[in-house]
Amino acid sequence: MKKVMTRFIVALSLLLAGVTATIAQEVQANYALIDMQYLMDQIPQYKTANEQIQKQTEKWTKEINALNEQAKQLYISYQQDLDKLTPDDRVKRENAIVQVEDKAAELQLKYFGREGEALKLQQKLIKPIQDSIYKAVKLISERRGYLIVFDRASSVGSIIYADPKADISNDVLAVLGFSE
């Protein structure tokens, strides 16, 4: 009985190993990895675009820093002259400081805000390069049968391309009882 059981376990182990190897081969054939940062670094236009973005960002940062420095100097001057100022002059000087600070904050938002000029510039210069990479990834994926392509350079494992055939959302809905 012990020999039969041992043979059964060995046979079952071999069978499971074969099934696992087959599944692993299928899974490997369905996805691929790219390193988006490596790809971008190899494209000369990306380097040029990054340099343009950096130059413009530095220009904007200098402009904002100059206003902040101006506000700081106005405040220092205000503090030094405070004893000599009339109430009206105090208000005027305080308003001038606030006006410069507001202008700096306004430019900060304009240039670096959620929908700022820096983002627009990046989309203008970088997005076409990313789009060309996406098209190449899609072409290769379709030729080689990859359903999903991940970016291994991304800390969250971004999906660069996914064949609609890989989407099982409707299957999930069917299992949950929400299919039509």
N, C-alpha and C. Protein backbone atom coordinates (compact mmCIF):
# COMPACT_ATOMS: atom_id res chain seq x y z
N MET A 1 0.82 -1.19 0.00
CA MET A 1 0.00 0.00 0.00
C MET A 1 0.87 1.26 0.00
N LYS A 2 1.97 1.19 0.78
CA LYS A 2 2.87 2.33 0.87
C LYS A 2 3.52 2.63 -0.49
N LYS A 3 3.88 1.54 -1.26
CA LYS A 3 4.49 1.72 -2.57
C LYS A 3 3.50 2.35 -3.54
N VAL A 4 2.26 1.94 -3.49
CA VAL A 4 1.22 2.46 -4.37
C VAL A 4 1.02 3.96 -4.09
N MET A 5 0.97 4.28 -2.81
CA MET A 5 0.79 5.67 -2.41
C MET A 5 1.97 6.53 -2.87
N THR A 6 3.18 6.03 -2.70
CA THR A 6 4.38 6.75 -3.12
C THR A 6 4.36 6.97 -4.62
N ARG A 7 4.00 5.92 -5.40
CA ARG A 7 3.92 6.05 -6.85
C ARG A 7 2.86 7.06 -7.26
N PHE A 8 1.75 7.03 -6.55
CA PHE A 8 0.68 7.97 -6.83
C PHE A 8 1.14 9.41 -6.59
N ILE A 9 1.83 9.64 -5.50
CA ILE A 9 2.32 10.98 -5.17
C ILE A 9 3.34 11.43 -6.20
N VAL A 10 4.24 10.55 -6.61
CA VAL A 10 5.24 10.89 -7.62
C VAL A 10 4.56 11.21 -8.95
N ALA A 11 3.60 10.38 -9.34
CA ALA A 11 2.88 10.62 -10.60
C ALA A 11 2.11 11.93 -10.55
N LEU A 12 1.46 12.18 -9.43
CA LEU A 12 0.71 13.43 -9.27
C LEU A 12 1.65 14.64 -9.31
N SER A 13 2.80 14.53 -8.69
CA SER A 13 3.80 15.61 -8.69
C SER A 13 4.28 15.89 -10.11
N LEU A 14 4.57 14.83 -10.87
CA LEU A 14 5.01 15.00 -12.25
C LEU A 14 3.91 15.65 -13.10
N LEU A 15 2.69 15.22 -12.89
CA LEU A 15 1.57 15.78 -13.63
C LEU A 15 1.41 17.27 -13.31
N LEU A 16 1.46 17.61 -12.03
CA LEU A 16 1.34 19.01 -11.62
C LEU A 16 2.50 19.86 -12.16
N ALA A 17 3.69 19.30 -12.16
CA ALA A 17 4.85 20.03 -12.69
C ALA A 17 4.67 20.31 -14.18
N GLY A 18 4.16 19.33 -14.91
CA GLY A 18 3.92 19.52 -16.34
C GLY A 18 2.84 20.55 -16.60
N VAL A 19 1.76 20.51 -15.84
CA VAL A 19 0.68 21.49 -16.00
C VAL A 19 1.19 22.89 -15.65
N THR A 20 1.96 22.99 -14.56
CA THR A 20 2.52 24.28 -14.15
C THR A 20 3.43 24.85 -15.23
N ALA A 21 4.27 24.01 -15.82
CA ALA A 21 5.17 24.47 -16.87
C ALA A 21 4.39 24.95 -18.09
N THR A 22 3.32 24.22 -18.43
CA THR A 22 2.48 24.61 -19.57
C THR A 22 1.80 25.95 -19.30
N ILE A 23 1.26 26.12 -18.11
CA ILE A 23 0.60 27.38 -17.76
C ILE A 23 1.62 28.52 -17.78
N ALA A 24 2.80 28.28 -17.23
CA ALA A 24 3.84 29.32 -17.19
C ALA A 24 4.22 29.74 -18.60
N GLN A 25 4.31 28.76 -19.53
CA GLN A 25 4.65 29.11 -20.90
C GLN A 25 3.55 29.96 -21.53
N GLU A 26 2.28 29.61 -21.25
CA GLU A 26 1.18 30.39 -21.80
C GLU A 26 1.18 31.80 -21.25
N VAL A 27 1.39 31.93 -19.94
CA VAL A 27 1.40 33.24 -19.32
C VAL A 27 2.54 34.08 -19.88
N GLN A 28 3.71 33.49 -20.04
CA GLN A 28 4.85 34.23 -20.56
C GLN A 28 4.59 34.72 -21.98
N ALA A 29 3.82 33.97 -22.74
CA ALA A 29 3.56 34.36 -24.11
C ALA A 29 2.53 35.49 -24.19
N ASN A 30 1.84 35.79 -23.07
CA ASN A 30 0.78 36.77 -23.11
C ASN A 30 1.17 38.16 -22.60
N TYR A 31 2.34 38.30 -22.03
CA TYR A 31 2.73 39.62 -21.56
C TYR A 31 4.20 39.88 -21.87
N ALA A 32 4.54 41.15 -21.81
CA ALA A 32 5.93 41.54 -22.06
C ALA A 32 6.24 42.75 -21.17
N LEU A 33 7.50 43.06 -21.07
CA LEU A 33 7.96 44.19 -20.28
C LEU A 33 8.74 45.15 -21.17
N ILE A 34 8.65 46.42 -20.86
CA ILE A 34 9.53 47.41 -21.47
C ILE A 34 10.07 48.28 -20.35
N ASP A 35 11.14 48.99 -20.62
CA ASP A 35 11.69 49.96 -19.68
C ASP A 35 11.52 51.32 -20.34
N MET A 36 10.46 52.00 -19.99
CA MET A 36 10.11 53.27 -20.65
C MET A 36 11.23 54.30 -20.48
N GLN A 37 11.84 54.35 -19.31
CA GLN A 37 12.90 55.34 -19.10
C GLN A 37 14.09 55.04 -20.01
N TYR A 38 14.46 53.77 -20.13
CA TYR A 38 15.55 53.38 -21.03
C TYR A 38 15.22 53.78 -22.47
N LEU A 39 13.99 53.49 -22.89
CA LEU A 39 13.58 53.83 -24.26
C LEU A 39 13.67 55.34 -24.49
N MET A 40 13.13 56.10 -23.55
CA MET A 40 13.14 57.55 -23.70
C MET A 40 14.58 58.08 -23.74
N ASP A 41 15.44 57.52 -22.90
CA ASP A 41 16.83 57.97 -22.86
C ASP A 41 17.58 57.69 -24.16
N GLN A 42 17.10 56.74 -24.95
CA GLN A 42 17.75 56.39 -26.20
C GLN A 42 17.27 57.23 -27.38
N ILE A 43 16.25 58.05 -27.15
CA ILE A 43 15.66 58.86 -28.22
C ILE A 43 16.20 60.29 -28.11
N PRO A 44 16.95 60.76 -29.11
CA PRO A 44 17.56 62.10 -29.03
C PRO A 44 16.54 63.23 -28.83
N GLN A 45 15.37 63.11 -29.42
CA GLN A 45 14.36 64.16 -29.28
C GLN A 45 13.93 64.32 -27.82
N TYR A 46 13.96 63.21 -27.07
CA TYR A 46 13.58 63.26 -25.66
C TYR A 46 14.58 64.11 -24.87
N LYS A 47 15.86 63.91 -25.16
CA LYS A 47 16.89 64.69 -24.47
C LYS A 47 16.72 66.18 -24.81
N THR A 48 16.49 66.49 -26.07
CA THR A 48 16.30 67.87 -26.50
C THR A 48 15.07 68.48 -25.82
N ALA A 49 13.99 67.72 -25.78
CA ALA A 49 12.75 68.20 -25.15
C ALA A 49 12.98 68.46 -23.66
N ASN A 50 13.66 67.54 -23.00
CA ASN A 50 13.95 67.71 -21.58
C ASN A 50 14.79 68.95 -21.33
N GLU A 51 15.76 69.20 -22.18
CA GLU A 51 16.59 70.39 -22.04
C GLU A 51 15.76 71.66 -22.20
N GLN A 52 14.86 71.67 -23.18
CA GLN A 52 13.99 72.82 -23.39
C GLN A 52 13.09 73.05 -22.17
N ILE A 53 12.54 71.97 -21.66
CA ILE A 53 11.67 72.07 -20.48
C ILE A 53 12.46 72.58 -19.28
N GLN A 54 13.65 72.08 -19.09
CA GLN A 54 14.47 72.50 -17.96
C GLN A 54 14.84 73.99 -18.07
N LYS A 55 15.23 74.43 -19.26
CA LYS A 55 15.57 75.85 -19.45
C LYS A 55 14.38 76.75 -19.14
N GLN A 56 13.22 76.36 -19.65
CA GLN A 56 12.03 77.18 -19.42
C GLN A 56 11.65 77.15 -17.94
N THR A 57 11.75 76.00 -17.31
CA THR A 57 11.44 75.87 -15.89
C THR A 57 12.37 76.74 -15.05
N GLU A 58 13.65 76.74 -15.40
CA GLU A 58 14.61 77.59 -14.69
C GLU A 58 14.27 79.07 -14.86
N LYS A 59 13.87 79.45 -16.05
CA LYS A 59 13.49 80.85 -16.32
C LYS A 59 12.29 81.25 -15.45
N TRP A 60 11.27 80.39 -15.42
CA TRP A 60 10.09 80.66 -14.61
C TRP A 60 10.43 80.71 -13.12
N THR A 61 11.26 79.77 -12.69
CA THR A 61 11.66 79.72 -11.28
C THR A 61 12.42 81.00 -10.89
N LYS A 62 13.30 81.46 -11.76
CA LYS A 62 14.03 82.71 -11.48
C LYS A 62 13.07 83.89 -11.37
N GLU A 63 12.08 83.92 -12.24
CA GLU A 63 11.10 85.00 -12.21
C GLU A 63 10.33 85.00 -10.88
N ILE A 64 9.91 83.84 -10.45
CA ILE A 64 9.18 83.71 -9.18
C ILE A 64 10.09 84.04 -8.00
N ASN A 65 11.31 83.52 -8.04
CA ASN A 65 12.26 83.80 -6.95
C ASN A 65 12.58 85.29 -6.86
N ALA A 66 12.67 85.96 -8.00
CA ALA A 66 12.95 87.40 -8.00
C ALA A 66 11.81 88.15 -7.31
N LEU A 67 10.59 87.76 -7.58
CA LEU A 67 9.46 88.41 -6.91
C LEU A 67 9.45 88.12 -5.41
N ASN A 68 9.76 86.88 -5.05
CA ASN A 68 9.83 86.54 -3.63
C ASN A 68 10.93 87.32 -2.93
N GLU A 69 12.05 87.49 -3.60
CA GLU A 69 13.15 88.27 -3.04
C GLU A 69 12.75 89.74 -2.92
N GLN A 70 12.04 90.24 -3.92
CA GLN A 70 11.57 91.62 -3.87
C GLN A 70 10.63 91.81 -2.68
N ALA A 71 9.71 90.88 -2.47
CA ALA A 71 8.79 90.96 -1.34
C ALA A 71 9.55 90.92 -0.02
N LYS A 72 10.57 90.06 0.03
CA LYS A 72 11.40 89.95 1.24
C LYS A 72 12.10 91.28 1.53
N GLN A 73 12.69 91.89 0.50
CA GLN A 73 13.39 93.17 0.68
C GLN A 73 12.41 94.28 1.07
N LEU A 74 11.23 94.28 0.48
CA LEU A 74 10.22 95.26 0.86
C LEU A 74 9.83 95.10 2.33
N TYR A 75 9.72 93.86 2.76
CA TYR A 75 9.35 93.59 4.15
C TYR A 75 10.47 94.03 5.11
N ILE A 76 11.72 93.73 4.76
CA ILE A 76 12.86 94.15 5.59
C ILE A 76 12.88 95.68 5.70
N SER A 77 12.70 96.34 4.57
CA SER A 77 12.68 97.81 4.56
C SER A 77 11.52 98.33 5.40
N TYR A 78 10.38 97.68 5.27
CA TYR A 78 9.19 98.05 6.05
C TYR A 78 9.48 97.91 7.54
N GLN A 79 10.08 96.80 7.94
CA GLN A 79 10.41 96.57 9.35
C GLN A 79 11.37 97.64 9.87
N GLN A 80 12.34 98.02 9.07
CA GLN A 80 13.32 99.03 9.48
C GLN A 80 12.69 100.42 9.62
N ASP A 81 11.72 100.72 8.78
CA ASP A 81 11.10 102.04 8.76
C ASP A 81 9.82 102.11 9.59
N LEU A 82 9.42 101.03 10.18
CA LEU A 82 8.12 100.93 10.85
C LEU A 82 7.88 102.06 11.86
N ASP A 83 8.90 102.39 12.63
CA ASP A 83 8.74 103.44 13.66
C ASP A 83 8.47 104.81 13.05
N LYS A 84 8.94 105.04 11.87
CA LYS A 84 8.86 106.37 11.23
C LYS A 84 7.62 106.52 10.35
N LEU A 85 6.91 105.44 10.07
CA LEU A 85 5.80 105.48 9.11
C LEU A 85 4.50 105.94 9.75
N THR A 86 3.76 106.69 8.98
CA THR A 86 2.41 107.07 9.42
C THR A 86 1.50 105.87 9.18
N PRO A 87 0.36 105.84 9.80
CA PRO A 87 -0.57 104.72 9.56
C PRO A 87 -0.90 104.53 8.08
N ASP A 88 -1.07 105.59 7.36
CA ASP A 88 -1.37 105.49 5.91
C ASP A 88 -0.19 104.89 5.14
N ASP A 89 1.03 105.34 5.51
CA ASP A 89 2.22 104.80 4.84
C ASP A 89 2.42 103.32 5.16
N ARG A 90 2.09 102.96 6.40
CA ARG A 90 2.18 101.53 6.78
C ARG A 90 1.27 100.69 5.89
N VAL A 91 0.05 101.13 5.75
CA VAL A 91 -0.93 100.39 4.93
C VAL A 91 -0.45 100.31 3.48
N LYS A 92 0.06 101.41 2.96
CA LYS A 92 0.56 101.41 1.58
C LYS A 92 1.71 100.42 1.40
N ARG A 93 2.64 100.43 2.35
CA ARG A 93 3.79 99.53 2.25
C ARG A 93 3.36 98.07 2.42
N GLU A 94 2.45 97.83 3.36
CA GLU A 94 1.95 96.46 3.56
C GLU A 94 1.24 95.96 2.30
N ASN A 95 0.44 96.84 1.71
CA ASN A 95 -0.26 96.48 0.46
C ASN A 95 0.72 96.19 -0.67
N ALA A 96 1.80 96.96 -0.73
CA ALA A 96 2.81 96.74 -1.77
C ALA A 96 3.47 95.38 -1.58
N ILE A 97 3.76 95.02 -0.34
CA ILE A 97 4.37 93.70 -0.05
C ILE A 97 3.40 92.59 -0.45
N VAL A 98 2.16 92.73 -0.04
CA VAL A 98 1.15 91.71 -0.35
C VAL A 98 0.95 91.60 -1.86
N GLN A 99 0.98 92.71 -2.54
CA GLN A 99 0.81 92.72 -4.00
C GLN A 99 1.93 91.92 -4.69
N VAL A 100 3.16 92.12 -4.25
CA VAL A 100 4.29 91.39 -4.83
C VAL A 100 4.19 89.89 -4.48
N GLU A 101 3.83 89.59 -3.24
CA GLU A 101 3.66 88.18 -2.83
C GLU A 101 2.56 87.50 -3.63
N ASP A 102 1.47 88.23 -3.84
CA ASP A 102 0.35 87.68 -4.63
C ASP A 102 0.78 87.41 -6.07
N LYS A 103 1.57 88.33 -6.63
CA LYS A 103 2.05 88.16 -8.01
C LYS A 103 2.93 86.91 -8.11
N ALA A 104 3.79 86.70 -7.10
CA ALA A 104 4.65 85.50 -7.09
C ALA A 104 3.80 84.24 -6.99
N ALA A 105 2.80 84.26 -6.13
CA ALA A 105 1.92 83.09 -5.98
C ALA A 105 1.13 82.83 -7.26
N GLU A 106 0.69 83.91 -7.89
CA GLU A 106 -0.05 83.81 -9.15
C GLU A 106 0.82 83.16 -10.24
N LEU A 107 2.06 83.61 -10.34
CA LEU A 107 2.97 83.04 -11.33
C LEU A 107 3.29 81.58 -11.02
N GLN A 108 3.46 81.28 -9.73
CA GLN A 108 3.72 79.89 -9.31
C GLN A 108 2.60 78.98 -9.81
N LEU A 109 1.38 79.42 -9.62
CA LEU A 109 0.22 78.64 -10.07
C LEU A 109 0.15 78.59 -11.59
N LYS A 110 0.39 79.74 -12.23
CA LYS A 110 0.33 79.80 -13.69
C LYS A 110 1.35 78.86 -14.34
N TYR A 111 2.57 78.87 -13.81
CA TYR A 111 3.63 78.07 -14.41
C TYR A 111 3.64 76.62 -13.94
N PHE A 112 3.43 76.41 -12.65
CA PHE A 112 3.63 75.07 -12.08
C PHE A 112 2.38 74.46 -11.46
N GLY A 113 1.25 75.10 -11.66
CA GLY A 113 0.00 74.57 -11.11
C GLY A 113 -0.46 73.33 -11.84
N ARG A 114 -1.58 72.82 -11.39
CA ARG A 114 -2.14 71.57 -11.93
C ARG A 114 -2.32 71.61 -13.45
N GLU A 115 -2.72 72.75 -13.96
CA GLU A 115 -2.88 72.91 -15.42
C GLU A 115 -1.94 74.01 -15.93
N GLY A 116 -0.76 74.08 -15.33
CA GLY A 116 0.17 75.15 -15.62
C GLY A 116 0.93 74.98 -16.92
N GLU A 117 1.69 76.02 -17.20
CA GLU A 117 2.48 76.08 -18.43
C GLU A 117 3.52 74.96 -18.50
N ALA A 118 4.08 74.57 -17.36
CA ALA A 118 5.09 73.50 -17.35
C ALA A 118 4.47 72.19 -17.84
N LEU A 119 3.28 71.90 -17.36
CA LEU A 119 2.60 70.68 -17.79
C LEU A 119 2.24 70.75 -19.27
N LYS A 120 1.78 71.90 -19.71
CA LYS A 120 1.43 72.07 -21.13
C LYS A 120 2.67 71.90 -22.02
N LEU A 121 3.78 72.46 -21.57
CA LEU A 121 5.02 72.34 -22.34
C LEU A 121 5.48 70.88 -22.39
N GLN A 122 5.37 70.21 -21.28
CA GLN A 122 5.76 68.79 -21.24
C GLN A 122 4.87 67.97 -22.16
N GLN A 123 3.59 68.23 -22.14
CA GLN A 123 2.68 67.50 -23.04
C GLN A 123 2.99 67.80 -24.50
N LYS A 124 3.33 69.03 -24.78
CA LYS A 124 3.63 69.42 -26.16
C LYS A 124 4.90 68.73 -26.66
N LEU A 125 5.93 68.65 -25.80
CA LEU A 125 7.22 68.14 -26.25
C LEU A 125 7.42 66.64 -26.00
N ILE A 126 6.89 66.12 -24.91
CA ILE A 126 7.16 64.73 -24.53
C ILE A 126 6.07 63.78 -25.04
N LYS A 127 4.82 64.21 -25.02
CA LYS A 127 3.72 63.32 -25.39
C LYS A 127 3.87 62.72 -26.80
N PRO A 128 4.30 63.49 -27.81
CA PRO A 128 4.48 62.87 -29.13
C PRO A 128 5.50 61.73 -29.12
N ILE A 129 6.53 61.86 -28.31
CA ILE A 129 7.54 60.79 -28.19
C ILE A 129 6.90 59.58 -27.52
N GLN A 130 6.16 59.81 -26.44
CA GLN A 130 5.48 58.70 -25.76
C GLN A 130 4.48 58.03 -26.69
N ASP A 131 3.77 58.83 -27.48
CA ASP A 131 2.80 58.26 -28.42
C ASP A 131 3.48 57.37 -29.45
N SER A 132 4.65 57.78 -29.95
CA SER A 132 5.35 56.95 -30.93
C SER A 132 5.82 55.64 -30.29
N ILE A 133 6.25 55.70 -29.05
CA ILE A 133 6.64 54.47 -28.34
C ILE A 133 5.42 53.57 -28.17
N TYR A 134 4.29 54.14 -27.80
CA TYR A 134 3.07 53.37 -27.62
C TYR A 134 2.68 52.67 -28.93
N LYS A 135 2.76 53.39 -30.04
CA LYS A 135 2.41 52.79 -31.33
C LYS A 135 3.33 51.62 -31.66
N ALA A 136 4.63 51.78 -31.37
CA ALA A 136 5.58 50.69 -31.63
C ALA A 136 5.29 49.50 -30.72
N VAL A 137 4.98 49.77 -29.45
CA VAL A 137 4.65 48.69 -28.51
C VAL A 137 3.39 47.96 -28.96
N LYS A 138 2.40 48.70 -29.40
CA LYS A 138 1.15 48.09 -29.87
C LYS A 138 1.41 47.21 -31.09
N LEU A 139 2.20 47.71 -32.04
CA LEU A 139 2.53 46.95 -33.24
C LEU A 139 3.23 45.64 -32.89
N ILE A 140 4.25 45.72 -32.05
CA ILE A 140 4.99 44.52 -31.64
C ILE A 140 4.08 43.56 -30.88
N SER A 141 3.22 44.11 -30.01
CA SER A 141 2.31 43.27 -29.23
C SER A 141 1.35 42.51 -30.12
N GLU A 142 0.82 43.20 -31.10
CA GLU A 142 -0.10 42.55 -32.03
C GLU A 142 0.61 41.47 -32.84
N ARG A 143 1.84 41.73 -33.27
CA ARG A 143 2.60 40.75 -34.05
C ARG A 143 2.96 39.52 -33.23
N ARG A 144 3.34 39.75 -31.97
CA ARG A 144 3.82 38.65 -31.13
C ARG A 144 2.76 38.06 -30.22
N GLY A 145 1.59 38.63 -30.20
CA GLY A 145 0.50 38.09 -29.41
C GLY A 145 0.52 38.44 -27.93
N TYR A 146 1.18 39.55 -27.57
CA TYR A 146 1.17 39.98 -26.18
C TYR A 146 -0.16 40.65 -25.89
N LEU A 147 -0.77 40.25 -24.78
CA LEU A 147 -2.02 40.87 -24.39
C LEU A 147 -1.78 42.12 -23.53
N ILE A 148 -0.70 42.09 -22.76
CA ILE A 148 -0.40 43.20 -21.86
C ILE A 148 1.09 43.47 -21.89
N VAL A 149 1.46 44.76 -21.89
CA VAL A 149 2.86 45.16 -21.80
C VAL A 149 3.00 46.10 -20.59
N PHE A 150 3.88 45.72 -19.67
CA PHE A 150 4.12 46.51 -18.46
C PHE A 150 5.39 47.33 -18.61
N ASP A 151 5.41 48.47 -17.92
CA ASP A 151 6.62 49.29 -17.83
C ASP A 151 7.35 48.90 -16.56
N ARG A 152 8.47 48.25 -16.70
CA ARG A 152 9.20 47.79 -15.53
C ARG A 152 9.93 48.93 -14.82
N ALA A 153 10.10 50.06 -15.47
CA ALA A 153 10.76 51.21 -14.85
C ALA A 153 9.82 51.94 -13.89
N SER A 154 8.54 51.71 -14.04
CA SER A 154 7.56 52.37 -13.19
C SER A 154 7.48 51.66 -11.84
N SER A 155 7.40 52.46 -10.79
CA SER A 155 7.35 51.87 -9.45
C SER A 155 6.03 51.15 -9.19
N VAL A 156 5.00 51.49 -9.95
CA VAL A 156 3.71 50.84 -9.77
C VAL A 156 3.41 49.83 -10.87
N GLY A 157 4.34 49.57 -11.76
CA GLY A 157 4.14 48.59 -12.83
C GLY A 157 3.06 49.02 -13.80
N SER A 158 3.18 50.19 -14.35
CA SER A 158 2.17 50.73 -15.26
C SER A 158 1.97 49.82 -16.47
N ILE A 159 0.74 49.74 -16.89
CA ILE A 159 0.41 49.01 -18.11
C ILE A 159 0.56 49.99 -19.27
N ILE A 160 1.40 49.66 -20.22
CA ILE A 160 1.63 50.51 -21.39
C ILE A 160 0.64 50.18 -22.49
N TYR A 161 0.36 48.92 -22.63
CA TYR A 161 -0.56 48.47 -23.68
C TYR A 161 -1.35 47.29 -23.15
N ALA A 162 -2.62 47.25 -23.45
CA ALA A 162 -3.46 46.10 -23.09
C ALA A 162 -4.41 45.81 -24.24
N ASP A 163 -4.34 44.61 -24.75
CA ASP A 163 -5.25 44.17 -25.80
C ASP A 163 -6.64 44.07 -25.16
N PRO A 164 -7.66 44.56 -25.83
CA PRO A 164 -9.01 44.46 -25.27
C PRO A 164 -9.41 43.01 -24.95
N LYS A 165 -8.78 42.05 -25.63
CA LYS A 165 -9.08 40.64 -25.35
C LYS A 165 -8.68 40.26 -23.93
N ALA A 166 -7.75 41.00 -23.32
CA ALA A 166 -7.29 40.70 -21.97
C ALA A 166 -8.27 41.21 -20.91
N ASP A 167 -9.21 42.06 -21.30
CA ASP A 167 -10.17 42.64 -20.36
C ASP A 167 -11.26 41.61 -20.04
N ILE A 168 -11.34 41.23 -18.79
CA ILE A 168 -12.34 40.23 -18.37
C ILE A 168 -13.46 40.87 -17.55
N SER A 169 -13.64 42.16 -17.70
CA SER A 169 -14.66 42.87 -16.91
C SER A 169 -16.05 42.29 -17.10
N ASN A 170 -16.43 42.01 -18.35
CA ASN A 170 -17.76 41.43 -18.60
C ASN A 170 -17.89 40.04 -18.00
N ASP A 171 -16.81 39.26 -18.00
CA ASP A 171 -16.83 37.94 -17.37
C ASP A 171 -17.06 38.07 -15.87
N VAL A 172 -16.41 39.07 -15.25
CA VAL A 172 -16.60 39.30 -13.81
C VAL A 172 -18.04 39.67 -13.54
N LEU A 173 -18.60 40.56 -14.38
CA LEU A 173 -20.01 40.93 -14.20
C LEU A 173 -20.93 39.71 -14.33
N ALA A 174 -20.60 38.83 -15.28
CA ALA A 174 -21.42 37.62 -15.46
C ALA A 174 -21.36 36.74 -14.22
N VAL A 175 -20.19 36.56 -13.66
CA VAL A 175 -20.05 35.74 -12.45
C VAL A 175 -20.81 36.38 -11.29
N LEU A 176 -20.80 37.71 -11.23
CA LEU A 176 -21.51 38.42 -10.16
C LEU A 176 -23.02 38.49 -10.42
N GLY A 177 -23.43 38.05 -11.61
CA GLY A 177 -24.86 38.04 -11.91
C GLY A 177 -25.38 39.34 -12.50
N PHE A 178 -24.52 40.15 -13.06
CA PHE A 178 -24.92 41.43 -13.62
C PHE A 178 -24.81 41.48 -15.14
N SER A 179 -24.70 40.34 -15.79
CA SER A 179 -24.59 40.36 -17.24
C SER A 179 -25.98 40.50 -17.86
N GLU A 180 -25.99 40.96 -19.08
CA GLU A 180 -27.28 41.18 -19.78
C GLU A 180 -27.91 39.91 -20.22
